[in-house]
Amino acid sequence: MAKDAIAQGSPVGRLRRRADFLRVAGARRKWAAPGLILQVSNQPERNSAEPGHDFPIRVGFTASRKVGNAVMRNRARRRLK
């Protein structure tokens, strides 16, 4: 899916810092399914995106302890990526 978005010209970045995850969670727009919660925010990052430009698509992956031990959480994140 990410490769298709890149081929179409829209950049796909990664959420890496905790502050980015908290900002997205603060937007309170989410969709939940068994085993997955998708949180969405269309707010710009701090110090980025000039006026009139689209915001880049950024994706972040986390897995809670409900998934299992560290090995199982890492495996789940790798499969999502």
N, C-alpha and C. Protein backbone atom coordinates (compact mmCIF):
# COMPACT_ATOMS: atom_id res chain seq x y z
N MET A 1 0.82 -1.19 0.00
CA MET A 1 0.00 0.00 0.00
C MET A 1 0.87 1.25 0.00
N ALA A 2 1.91 1.30 0.79
CA ALA A 2 2.78 2.46 0.84
C ALA A 2 3.49 2.67 -0.48
N LYS A 3 3.86 1.59 -1.14
CA LYS A 3 4.54 1.72 -2.42
C LYS A 3 3.62 2.33 -3.46
N ASP A 4 2.32 1.98 -3.42
CA ASP A 4 1.37 2.56 -4.35
C ASP A 4 1.25 4.06 -4.13
N ALA A 5 1.23 4.48 -2.85
CA ALA A 5 1.10 5.90 -2.55
C ALA A 5 2.34 6.66 -3.02
N ILE A 6 3.52 6.05 -2.87
CA ILE A 6 4.74 6.70 -3.32
C ILE A 6 4.75 6.79 -4.84
N ALA A 7 4.30 5.74 -5.51
CA ALA A 7 4.27 5.75 -6.97
C ALA A 7 3.33 6.83 -7.49
N GLN A 8 2.28 7.15 -6.73
CA GLN A 8 1.34 8.17 -7.15
C GLN A 8 1.81 9.57 -6.79
N GLY A 9 2.93 9.69 -6.11
CA GLY A 9 3.49 10.99 -5.82
C GLY A 9 3.21 11.53 -4.43
N SER A 10 2.41 10.84 -3.63
CA SER A 10 2.17 11.33 -2.28
C SER A 10 3.15 10.66 -1.33
N PRO A 11 3.93 11.46 -0.61
CA PRO A 11 4.95 10.89 0.28
C PRO A 11 4.32 10.24 1.50
N VAL A 12 4.86 9.11 1.91
CA VAL A 12 4.40 8.42 3.11
C VAL A 12 5.55 8.44 4.10
N GLY A 13 5.35 9.14 5.21
CA GLY A 13 6.38 9.24 6.23
C GLY A 13 6.03 8.38 7.42
N ARG A 14 6.85 8.45 8.44
CA ARG A 14 6.63 7.66 9.64
C ARG A 14 6.51 8.56 10.84
N LEU A 15 5.63 8.21 11.76
CA LEU A 15 5.56 8.83 13.07
C LEU A 15 6.58 8.10 13.92
N ARG A 16 7.54 8.81 14.45
CA ARG A 16 8.59 8.16 15.21
C ARG A 16 8.70 8.67 16.65
N ARG A 17 8.38 9.93 16.88
CA ARG A 17 8.53 10.50 18.21
C ARG A 17 7.23 10.36 19.01
N ARG A 18 7.36 10.23 20.31
CA ARG A 18 6.19 10.09 21.17
C ARG A 18 5.27 11.30 21.05
N ALA A 19 5.85 12.48 20.91
CA ALA A 19 5.04 13.69 20.77
C ALA A 19 4.14 13.62 19.55
N ASP A 20 4.62 13.03 18.47
CA ASP A 20 3.79 12.88 17.26
C ASP A 20 2.61 11.95 17.53
N PHE A 21 2.86 10.84 18.23
CA PHE A 21 1.78 9.91 18.55
C PHE A 21 0.75 10.57 19.47
N LEU A 22 1.21 11.34 20.44
CA LEU A 22 0.30 12.02 21.35
C LEU A 22 -0.54 13.07 20.62
N ARG A 23 0.06 13.77 19.68
CA ARG A 23 -0.68 14.77 18.90
C ARG A 23 -1.79 14.11 18.10
N VAL A 24 -1.50 12.99 17.49
CA VAL A 24 -2.50 12.26 16.71
C VAL A 24 -3.59 11.72 17.62
N ALA A 25 -3.21 11.18 18.77
CA ALA A 25 -4.21 10.65 19.71
C ALA A 25 -5.09 11.78 20.24
N GLY A 26 -4.54 12.97 20.38
CA GLY A 26 -5.30 14.12 20.85
C GLY A 26 -6.36 14.58 19.88
N ALA A 27 -6.24 14.23 18.61
CA ALA A 27 -7.23 14.63 17.62
C ALA A 27 -8.54 13.87 17.82
N ARG A 28 -8.47 12.73 18.49
CA ARG A 28 -9.64 11.92 18.86
C ARG A 28 -10.47 11.48 17.67
N ARG A 29 -9.84 11.24 16.56
CA ARG A 29 -10.53 10.64 15.42
C ARG A 29 -9.94 9.25 15.26
N LYS A 30 -10.76 8.24 15.50
CA LYS A 30 -10.23 6.88 15.42
C LYS A 30 -11.27 5.91 14.92
N TRP A 31 -10.78 4.79 14.45
CA TRP A 31 -11.60 3.69 13.99
C TRP A 31 -11.04 2.44 14.65
N ALA A 32 -11.91 1.65 15.27
CA ALA A 32 -11.45 0.48 16.00
C ALA A 32 -12.02 -0.79 15.39
N ALA A 33 -11.19 -1.81 15.32
CA ALA A 33 -11.57 -3.14 14.88
C ALA A 33 -10.86 -4.12 15.81
N PRO A 34 -11.28 -5.36 15.85
CA PRO A 34 -10.58 -6.32 16.71
C PRO A 34 -9.10 -6.42 16.33
N GLY A 35 -8.25 -6.07 17.28
CA GLY A 35 -6.82 -6.18 17.04
C GLY A 35 -6.17 -4.97 16.40
N LEU A 36 -6.94 -3.91 16.10
CA LEU A 36 -6.36 -2.75 15.43
C LEU A 36 -7.14 -1.50 15.79
N ILE A 37 -6.43 -0.43 16.10
CA ILE A 37 -7.04 0.89 16.26
C ILE A 37 -6.32 1.82 15.31
N LEU A 38 -7.07 2.48 14.45
CA LEU A 38 -6.51 3.42 13.49
C LEU A 38 -6.85 4.82 13.96
N GLN A 39 -5.82 5.64 14.20
CA GLN A 39 -6.03 7.01 14.63
C GLN A 39 -5.59 7.93 13.50
N VAL A 40 -6.38 8.99 13.27
CA VAL A 40 -6.14 9.86 12.12
C VAL A 40 -6.10 11.31 12.57
N SER A 41 -5.18 12.05 12.00
CA SER A 41 -5.12 13.48 12.23
C SER A 41 -4.66 14.15 10.95
N ASN A 42 -5.31 15.22 10.59
CA ASN A 42 -4.88 15.95 9.40
C ASN A 42 -4.28 17.30 9.79
N GLN A 43 -3.79 17.39 11.01
CA GLN A 43 -3.15 18.61 11.48
C GLN A 43 -1.70 18.62 11.01
N PRO A 44 -1.17 19.80 10.72
CA PRO A 44 0.24 19.87 10.31
C PRO A 44 1.17 19.61 11.48
N GLU A 45 2.37 19.21 11.18
CA GLU A 45 3.40 19.08 12.21
C GLU A 45 3.83 20.48 12.61
N ARG A 46 4.49 20.55 13.74
CA ARG A 46 5.06 21.84 14.11
C ARG A 46 6.19 22.18 13.15
N ASN A 47 6.32 23.42 12.79
CA ASN A 47 7.40 23.93 11.94
C ASN A 47 7.45 23.24 10.58
N SER A 48 6.29 22.95 10.01
CA SER A 48 6.30 22.33 8.68
C SER A 48 5.09 22.80 7.90
N ALA A 49 5.05 22.41 6.66
CA ALA A 49 3.93 22.67 5.75
C ALA A 49 3.63 24.16 5.60
N GLU A 50 4.12 24.70 4.54
CA GLU A 50 3.85 26.09 4.24
C GLU A 50 2.37 26.25 3.90
N PRO A 51 1.82 27.44 4.06
CA PRO A 51 0.41 27.65 3.73
C PRO A 51 0.11 27.28 2.28
N GLY A 52 -1.01 26.58 2.10
CA GLY A 52 -1.42 26.21 0.75
C GLY A 52 -0.87 24.90 0.26
N HIS A 53 -0.05 24.23 1.07
CA HIS A 53 0.51 22.94 0.66
C HIS A 53 -0.20 21.82 1.39
N ASP A 54 -0.26 20.65 0.76
CA ASP A 54 -0.83 19.47 1.39
C ASP A 54 0.11 18.97 2.48
N PHE A 55 -0.47 18.36 3.48
CA PHE A 55 0.33 17.78 4.55
C PHE A 55 0.73 16.36 4.14
N PRO A 56 1.96 15.96 4.42
CA PRO A 56 2.37 14.61 4.04
C PRO A 56 1.64 13.56 4.86
N ILE A 57 1.42 12.42 4.26
CA ILE A 57 0.82 11.29 4.96
C ILE A 57 1.90 10.66 5.82
N ARG A 58 1.59 10.46 7.09
CA ARG A 58 2.54 9.84 8.00
C ARG A 58 1.84 8.73 8.75
N VAL A 59 2.54 7.64 8.95
CA VAL A 59 1.98 6.45 9.58
C VAL A 59 2.85 6.04 10.75
N GLY A 60 2.23 5.62 11.83
CA GLY A 60 2.96 5.11 12.98
C GLY A 60 2.35 3.80 13.45
N PHE A 61 3.18 2.93 13.97
CA PHE A 61 2.73 1.61 14.41
C PHE A 61 3.09 1.41 15.87
N THR A 62 2.11 1.01 16.67
CA THR A 62 2.36 0.64 18.06
C THR A 62 1.58 -0.63 18.35
N ALA A 63 1.99 -1.32 19.38
CA ALA A 63 1.28 -2.52 19.82
C ALA A 63 1.27 -2.50 21.34
N SER A 64 0.09 -2.65 21.92
CA SER A 64 -0.03 -2.61 23.37
C SER A 64 0.35 -3.96 23.97
N ARG A 65 0.41 -4.00 25.27
CA ARG A 65 0.75 -5.25 25.96
C ARG A 65 -0.34 -6.29 25.83
N LYS A 66 -1.54 -5.87 25.40
CA LYS A 66 -2.62 -6.84 25.19
C LYS A 66 -2.28 -7.79 24.05
N VAL A 67 -1.37 -7.38 23.17
CA VAL A 67 -0.98 -8.23 22.04
C VAL A 67 -0.18 -9.43 22.53
N GLY A 68 0.62 -9.24 23.56
CA GLY A 68 1.42 -10.34 24.09
C GLY A 68 2.75 -9.84 24.58
N ASN A 69 3.73 -10.75 24.62
CA ASN A 69 5.05 -10.34 25.09
C ASN A 69 5.78 -9.54 24.00
N ALA A 70 7.01 -9.12 24.26
CA ALA A 70 7.74 -8.25 23.35
C ALA A 70 7.93 -8.89 21.98
N VAL A 71 8.18 -10.18 21.95
CA VAL A 71 8.39 -10.87 20.68
C VAL A 71 7.11 -10.81 19.83
N MET A 72 5.98 -11.05 20.45
CA MET A 72 4.71 -11.03 19.71
C MET A 72 4.36 -9.61 19.25
N ARG A 73 4.64 -8.60 20.10
CA ARG A 73 4.36 -7.21 19.71
C ARG A 73 5.22 -6.79 18.53
N ASN A 74 6.50 -7.13 18.58
CA ASN A 74 7.39 -6.78 17.46
C ASN A 74 6.97 -7.48 16.18
N ARG A 75 6.56 -8.74 16.29
CA ARG A 75 6.09 -9.47 15.11
C ARG A 75 4.84 -8.81 14.53
N ALA A 76 3.93 -8.38 15.39
CA ALA A 76 2.70 -7.72 14.92
C ALA A 76 3.03 -6.41 14.21
N ARG A 77 3.95 -5.62 14.76
CA ARG A 77 4.35 -4.36 14.12
C ARG A 77 5.00 -4.61 12.77
N ARG A 78 5.87 -5.61 12.71
CA ARG A 78 6.52 -5.92 11.41
C ARG A 78 5.50 -6.31 10.37
N ARG A 79 4.51 -7.07 10.75
CA ARG A 79 3.48 -7.49 9.78
C ARG A 79 2.65 -6.31 9.30
N LEU A 80 2.37 -5.36 10.20
CA LEU A 80 1.63 -4.17 9.79
C LEU A 80 2.43 -3.31 8.81
N LYS A 81 3.73 -3.20 9.08
CA LYS A 81 4.58 -2.38 8.21
C LYS A 81 4.63 -2.98 6.82
